[in-house]
PDB file of all heavy atoms in Angstrom:
ATOM      1  N   ASP A   1     200.354 162.801 124.060  1.00  0.00           N
ATOM      2  CA  ASP A   1     199.110 163.338 124.615  1.00  0.00           C
ATOM      3  C   ASP A   1     198.123 163.670 123.496  1.00  0.00           C
ATOM      4  O   ASP A   1     196.899 163.604 123.691  1.00  0.00           O
ATOM      5  CB  ASP A   1     199.381 164.603 125.443  1.00  0.00           C
ATOM      6  CG  ASP A   1     200.194 164.323 126.695  1.00  0.00           C
ATOM      7  OD1 ASP A   1     200.280 163.142 127.105  1.00  0.00           O
ATOM      8  OD2 ASP A   1     200.768 165.276 127.249  1.00  0.00           O
ATOM      9  N   LEU A   2     198.649 164.032 122.328  1.00  0.00           N
ATOM     10  CA  LEU A   2     197.796 164.342 121.182  1.00  0.00           C
ATOM     11  C   LEU A   2     197.517 163.109 120.328  1.00  0.00           C
ATOM     12  O   LEU A   2     196.456 163.019 119.690  1.00  0.00           O
ATOM     13  CB  LEU A   2     198.470 165.420 120.318  1.00  0.00           C
ATOM     14  CG  LEU A   2     198.738 166.753 121.011  1.00  0.00           C
ATOM     15  CD1 LEU A   2     199.558 167.669 120.114  1.00  0.00           C
ATOM     16  CD2 LEU A   2     197.420 167.428 121.390  1.00  0.00           C
ATOM     17  N   LEU A   3     198.442 162.159 120.304  1.00  0.00           N
ATOM     18  CA  LEU A   3     198.291 160.994 119.435  1.00  0.00           C
ATOM     19  C   LEU A   3     197.428 159.887 120.033  1.00  0.00           C
ATOM     20  O   LEU A   3     196.714 159.184 119.306  1.00  0.00           O
ATOM     21  CB  LEU A   3     199.669 160.433 119.084  1.00  0.00           C
ATOM     22  CG  LEU A   3     200.563 161.338 118.223  1.00  0.00           C
ATOM     23  CD1 LEU A   3     201.928 160.676 118.029  1.00  0.00           C
ATOM     24  CD2 LEU A   3     199.916 161.631 116.875  1.00  0.00           C
ATOM     25  N   ARG A   4     197.491 159.695 121.338  1.00  0.00           N
ATOM     26  CA  ARG A   4     196.782 158.560 121.948  1.00  0.00           C
ATOM     27  C   ARG A   4     195.272 158.607 121.725  1.00  0.00           C
ATOM     28  O   ARG A   4     194.654 157.557 121.515  1.00  0.00           O
ATOM     29  CB  ARG A   4     197.126 158.460 123.431  1.00  0.00           C
ATOM     30  CG  ARG A   4     198.527 157.914 123.652  1.00  0.00           C
ATOM     31  CD  ARG A   4     198.876 157.701 125.102  1.00  0.00           C
ATOM     32  NE  ARG A   4     200.253 157.263 125.232  1.00  0.00           N
ATOM     33  CZ  ARG A   4     201.175 157.864 125.964  1.00  0.00           C
ATOM     34  NH1 ARG A   4     200.858 158.948 126.671  1.00  0.00           N
ATOM     35  NH2 ARG A   4     202.404 157.404 126.010  1.00  0.00           N
ATOM     36  N   PRO A   5     194.613 159.787 121.767  1.00  0.00           N
ATOM     37  CA  PRO A   5     193.176 159.789 121.451  1.00  0.00           C
ATOM     38  C   PRO A   5     192.874 159.327 120.024  1.00  0.00           C
ATOM     39  O   PRO A   5     191.733 158.971 119.722  1.00  0.00           O
ATOM     40  CB  PRO A   5     192.779 161.265 121.648  1.00  0.00           C
ATOM     41  CG  PRO A   5     193.786 161.795 122.618  1.00  0.00           C
ATOM     42  CD  PRO A   5     195.066 161.101 122.266  1.00  0.00           C
ATOM     43  N   LEU A   6     193.896 159.318 119.166  1.00  0.00           N
ATOM     44  CA  LEU A   6     193.728 158.854 117.788  1.00  0.00           C
ATOM     45  C   LEU A   6     194.120 157.384 117.641  1.00  0.00           C
ATOM     46  O   LEU A   6     194.148 156.851 116.536  1.00  0.00           O
ATOM     47  CB  LEU A   6     194.600 159.704 116.850  1.00  0.00           C
ATOM     48  CG  LEU A   6     194.387 161.216 116.923  1.00  0.00           C
ATOM     49  CD1 LEU A   6     195.389 161.945 116.045  1.00  0.00           C
ATOM     50  CD2 LEU A   6     192.958 161.577 116.526  1.00  0.00           C
ATOM     51  N   GLY A   7     194.480 156.740 118.758  1.00  0.00           N
ATOM     52  CA  GLY A   7     194.885 155.348 118.707  1.00  0.00           C
ATOM     53  C   GLY A   7     196.318 155.140 118.285  1.00  0.00           C
ATOM     54  O   GLY A   7     196.698 154.033 117.893  1.00  0.00           O
ATOM     55  N   LEU A   8     197.141 156.171 118.368  1.00  0.00           N
ATOM     56  CA  LEU A   8     198.542 156.082 117.969  1.00  0.00           C
ATOM     57  C   LEU A   8     199.441 156.354 119.171  1.00  0.00           C
ATOM     58  O   LEU A   8     199.038 157.030 120.116  1.00  0.00           O
ATOM     59  CB  LEU A   8     198.852 157.094 116.861  1.00  0.00           C
ATOM     60  CG  LEU A   8     198.067 156.933 115.563  1.00  0.00           C
ATOM     61  CD1 LEU A   8     198.316 158.121 114.642  1.00  0.00           C
ATOM     62  CD2 LEU A   8     198.424 155.629 114.869  1.00  0.00           C
ATOM     63  N   ASP A   9     200.665 155.838 119.112  1.00  0.00           N
ATOM     64  CA  ASP A   9     201.595 156.025 120.214  1.00  0.00           C
ATOM     65  C   ASP A   9     203.015 155.871 119.685  1.00  0.00           C
ATOM     66  O   ASP A   9     203.325 154.891 119.006  1.00  0.00           O
ATOM     67  CB  ASP A   9     201.332 154.988 121.307  1.00  0.00           C
ATOM     68  CG  ASP A   9     202.192 155.217 122.536  1.00  0.00           C
ATOM     69  OD1 ASP A   9     201.746 155.960 123.422  1.00  0.00           O
ATOM     70  OD2 ASP A   9     203.297 154.672 122.597  1.00  0.00           O
ATOM     71  N   VAL A  10     203.866 156.840 119.974  1.00  0.00           N
ATOM     72  CA  VAL A  10     205.292 156.740 119.657  1.00  0.00           C
ATOM     73  C   VAL A  10     206.002 156.314 120.932  1.00  0.00           C
ATOM     74  O   VAL A  10     205.880 156.995 121.952  1.00  0.00           O
ATOM     75  CB  VAL A  10     205.851 158.090 119.163  1.00  0.00           C
ATOM     76  CG1 VAL A  10     207.360 158.000 118.951  1.00  0.00           C
ATOM     77  CG2 VAL A  10     205.157 158.527 117.878  1.00  0.00           C
ATOM     78  N   PRO A  11     206.720 155.186 120.931  1.00  0.00           N
ATOM     79  CA  PRO A  11     207.402 154.775 122.163  1.00  0.00           C
ATOM     80  C   PRO A  11     208.516 155.747 122.526  1.00  0.00           C
ATOM     81  O   PRO A  11     209.518 155.850 121.829  1.00  0.00           O
ATOM     82  CB  PRO A  11     207.952 153.387 121.819  1.00  0.00           C
ATOM     83  CG  PRO A  11     208.026 153.354 120.335  1.00  0.00           C
ATOM     84  CD  PRO A  11     206.936 154.249 119.827  1.00  0.00           C
ATOM     85  N   LEU A  12     208.309 156.487 123.593  1.00  0.00           N
ATOM     86  CA  LEU A  12     209.268 157.504 124.026  1.00  0.00           C
ATOM     87  C   LEU A  12     209.706 157.237 125.454  1.00  0.00           C
ATOM     88  O   LEU A  12     208.889 156.903 126.316  1.00  0.00           O
ATOM     89  CB  LEU A  12     208.658 158.907 123.951  1.00  0.00           C
ATOM     90  CG  LEU A  12     208.264 159.440 122.582  1.00  0.00           C
ATOM     91  CD1 LEU A  12     207.619 160.819 122.727  1.00  0.00           C
ATOM     92  CD2 LEU A  12     209.455 159.496 121.649  1.00  0.00           C
ATOM     93  N   ASP A  13     210.977 157.422 125.697  1.00  0.00           N
ATOM     94  CA  ASP A  13     211.540 157.374 127.038  1.00  0.00           C
ATOM     95  C   ASP A  13     212.118 158.761 127.297  1.00  0.00           C
ATOM     96  O   ASP A  13     213.044 159.186 126.607  1.00  0.00           O
ATOM     97  CB  ASP A  13     212.639 156.310 127.111  1.00  0.00           C
ATOM     98  CG  ASP A  13     213.241 156.188 128.502  1.00  0.00           C
ATOM     99  OD1 ASP A  13     212.509 156.418 129.485  1.00  0.00           O
ATOM    100  OD2 ASP A  13     214.435 155.882 128.603  1.00  0.00           O
ATOM    101  N   VAL A  14     211.548 159.493 128.255  1.00  0.00           N
ATOM    102  CA  VAL A  14     211.953 160.878 128.479  1.00  0.00           C
ATOM    103  C   VAL A  14     213.215 160.911 129.336  1.00  0.00           C
ATOM    104  O   VAL A  14     213.239 160.421 130.466  1.00  0.00           O
ATOM    105  CB  VAL A  14     210.830 161.697 129.131  1.00  0.00           C
ATOM    106  CG1 VAL A  14     211.270 163.144 129.321  1.00  0.00           C
ATOM    107  CG2 VAL A  14     209.565 161.636 128.275  1.00  0.00           C
ATOM    108  N   GLN A  15     214.267 161.494 128.774  1.00  0.00           N
ATOM    109  CA  GLN A  15     215.552 161.643 129.437  1.00  0.00           C
ATOM    110  C   GLN A  15     215.843 163.139 129.609  1.00  0.00           C
ATOM    111  O   GLN A  15     215.134 163.980 129.053  1.00  0.00           O
ATOM    112  CB  GLN A  15     216.651 160.989 128.605  1.00  0.00           C
ATOM    113  CG  GLN A  15     216.435 159.500 128.354  1.00  0.00           C
ATOM    114  CD  GLN A  15     216.811 158.646 129.529  1.00  0.00           C
ATOM    115  OE1 GLN A  15     217.894 158.770 130.083  1.00  0.00           O
ATOM    116  NE2 GLN A  15     215.914 157.763 129.946  1.00  0.00           N
ATOM    117  N   MET A  16     216.878 163.464 130.359  1.00  0.00           N
ATOM    118  CA  MET A  16     217.231 164.871 130.543  1.00  0.00           C
ATOM    119  C   MET A  16     218.735 165.074 130.439  1.00  0.00           C
ATOM    120  O   MET A  16     219.519 164.152 130.653  1.00  0.00           O
ATOM    121  CB  MET A  16     216.708 165.407 131.876  1.00  0.00           C
ATOM    122  CG  MET A  16     217.275 164.746 133.102  1.00  0.00           C
ATOM    123  SD  MET A  16     216.600 165.457 134.644  1.00  0.00           S
ATOM    124  CE  MET A  16     217.756 166.792 134.927  1.00  0.00           C
ATOM    125  N   VAL A  17     219.108 166.293 130.088  1.00  0.00           N
ATOM    126  CA  VAL A  17     220.508 166.713 130.011  1.00  0.00           C
ATOM    127  C   VAL A  17     220.635 168.020 130.786  1.00  0.00           C
ATOM    128  O   VAL A  17     219.839 168.948 130.596  1.00  0.00           O
ATOM    129  CB  VAL A  17     220.965 166.917 128.557  1.00  0.00           C
ATOM    130  CG1 VAL A  17     222.341 167.554 128.500  1.00  0.00           C
ATOM    131  CG2 VAL A  17     220.969 165.586 127.810  1.00  0.00           C
ATOM    132  N   THR A  18     221.609 168.102 131.667  1.00  0.00           N
ATOM    133  CA  THR A  18     221.875 169.316 132.433  1.00  0.00           C
ATOM    134  C   THR A  18     222.755 170.256 131.617  1.00  0.00           C
ATOM    135  O   THR A  18     223.689 169.814 130.951  1.00  0.00           O
ATOM    136  CB  THR A  18     222.568 168.959 133.756  1.00  0.00           C
ATOM    137  OG1 THR A  18     221.624 168.266 134.580  1.00  0.00           O
ATOM    138  CG2 THR A  18     223.073 170.190 134.495  1.00  0.00           C
ATOM    139  N   VAL A  19     222.452 171.556 131.690  1.00  0.00           N
ATOM    140  CA  VAL A  19     223.212 172.571 130.973  1.00  0.00           C
ATOM    141  C   VAL A  19     223.687 173.627 131.967  1.00  0.00           C
ATOM    142  O   VAL A  19     222.934 174.040 132.855  1.00  0.00           O
ATOM    143  CB  VAL A  19     222.379 173.249 129.868  1.00  0.00           C
ATOM    144  CG1 VAL A  19     223.260 174.154 129.006  1.00  0.00           C
ATOM    145  CG2 VAL A  19     221.654 172.218 129.013  1.00  0.00           C
ATOM    146  N   MET A  20     224.942 174.060 131.799  1.00  0.00           N
ATOM    147  CA  MET A  20     225.513 175.114 132.644  1.00  0.00           C
ATOM    148  C   MET A  20     226.128 176.180 131.744  1.00  0.00           C
ATOM    149  O   MET A  20     226.766 175.852 130.742  1.00  0.00           O
ATOM    150  CB  MET A  20     226.606 174.547 133.546  1.00  0.00           C
ATOM    151  CG  MET A  20     226.208 173.296 134.296  1.00  0.00           C
ATOM    152  SD  MET A  20     227.544 172.642 135.313  1.00  0.00           S
ATOM    153  CE  MET A  20     227.447 173.776 136.690  1.00  0.00           C
ATOM    154  N   ARG A  21     225.917 177.436 132.103  1.00  0.00           N
ATOM    155  CA  ARG A  21     226.549 178.542 131.370  1.00  0.00           C
ATOM    156  C   ARG A  21     227.316 179.397 132.368  1.00  0.00           C
ATOM    157  O   ARG A  21     226.780 179.793 133.404  1.00  0.00           O
ATOM    158  CB  ARG A  21     225.513 179.381 130.643  1.00  0.00           C
ATOM    159  CG  ARG A  21     226.141 180.532 129.836  1.00  0.00           C
ATOM    160  CD  ARG A  21     225.082 181.427 129.222  1.00  0.00           C
ATOM    161  NE  ARG A  21     224.525 180.843 128.042  1.00  0.00           N
ATOM    162  CZ  ARG A  21     223.269 181.026 127.626  1.00  0.00           C
ATOM    163  NH1 ARG A  21     222.436 181.738 128.358  1.00  0.00           N
ATOM    164  NH2 ARG A  21     222.841 180.482 126.510  1.00  0.00           N
ATOM    165  N   SER A  22     228.566 179.689 132.039  1.00  0.00           N
ATOM    166  CA  SER A  22     229.424 180.460 132.939  1.00  0.00           C
ATOM    167  C   SER A  22     229.343 181.948 132.643  1.00  0.00           C
ATOM    168  O   SER A  22     228.749 182.378 131.644  1.00  0.00           O
ATOM    169  CB  SER A  22     230.879 179.995 132.804  1.00  0.00           C
ATOM    170  OG  SER A  22     231.450 180.501 131.606  1.00  0.00           O
ATOM    171  N   THR A  23     229.960 182.735 133.499  1.00  0.00           N
ATOM    172  CA  THR A  23     230.208 184.134 133.171  1.00  0.00           C
ATOM    173  C   THR A  23     231.333 184.191 132.135  1.00  0.00           C
ATOM    174  O   THR A  23     232.048 183.202 131.930  1.00  0.00           O
ATOM    175  CB  THR A  23     230.612 184.914 134.435  1.00  0.00           C
ATOM    176  OG1 THR A  23     231.763 184.292 135.009  1.00  0.00           O
ATOM    177  CG2 THR A  23     229.478 184.932 135.451  1.00  0.00           C
ATOM    178  N   PRO A  24     231.535 185.323 131.454  1.00  0.00           N
ATOM    179  CA  PRO A  24     232.586 185.402 130.428  1.00  0.00           C
ATOM    180  C   PRO A  24     233.983 185.142 130.992  1.00  0.00           C
ATOM    181  O   PRO A  24     234.317 185.571 132.097  1.00  0.00           O
ATOM    182  CB  PRO A  24     232.447 186.830 129.902  1.00  0.00           C
ATOM    183  CG  PRO A  24     231.016 187.195 130.151  1.00  0.00           C
ATOM    184  CD  PRO A  24     230.680 186.527 131.459  1.00  0.00           C
ATOM    185  N   MET A  25     234.782 184.436 130.197  1.00  0.00           N
ATOM    186  CA  MET A  25     236.166 184.130 130.554  1.00  0.00           C
ATOM    187  C   MET A  25     237.052 184.368 129.331  1.00  0.00           C
ATOM    188  O   MET A  25     236.557 184.515 128.211  1.00  0.00           O
ATOM    189  CB  MET A  25     236.285 182.672 131.006  1.00  0.00           C
ATOM    190  CG  MET A  25     235.458 182.338 132.238  1.00  0.00           C
ATOM    191  SD  MET A  25     235.625 180.601 132.714  1.00  0.00           S
ATOM    192  CE  MET A  25     237.355 180.562 133.244  1.00  0.00           C
ATOM    193  N   ALA A  26     238.340 184.409 129.565  1.00  0.00           N
ATOM    194  CA  ALA A  26     239.277 184.584 128.459  1.00  0.00           C
ATOM    195  C   ALA A  26     239.111 183.435 127.464  1.00  0.00           C
ATOM    196  O   ALA A  26     238.899 182.283 127.874  1.00  0.00           O
ATOM    197  CB  ALA A  26     240.710 184.607 128.983  1.00  0.00           C
ATOM    198  N   PRO A  27     239.172 183.718 126.168  1.00  0.00           N
ATOM    199  CA  PRO A  27     238.965 182.652 125.172  1.00  0.00           C
ATOM    200  C   PRO A  27     240.085 181.611 125.206  1.00  0.00           C
ATOM    201  O   PRO A  27     241.262 181.957 125.137  1.00  0.00           O
ATOM    202  CB  PRO A  27     238.953 183.419 123.846  1.00  0.00           C
ATOM    203  CG  PRO A  27     239.653 184.702 124.111  1.00  0.00           C
ATOM    204  CD  PRO A  27     239.402 185.034 125.547  1.00  0.00           C
TER     205      PRO A  27
END
């Protein structure tokens, strides 16, 4: 969004990763 007005572009493919955090458990 910042580079394109300058005539530049980084080829990016936006991916995602799901994250889960539990309550405390025995180690």
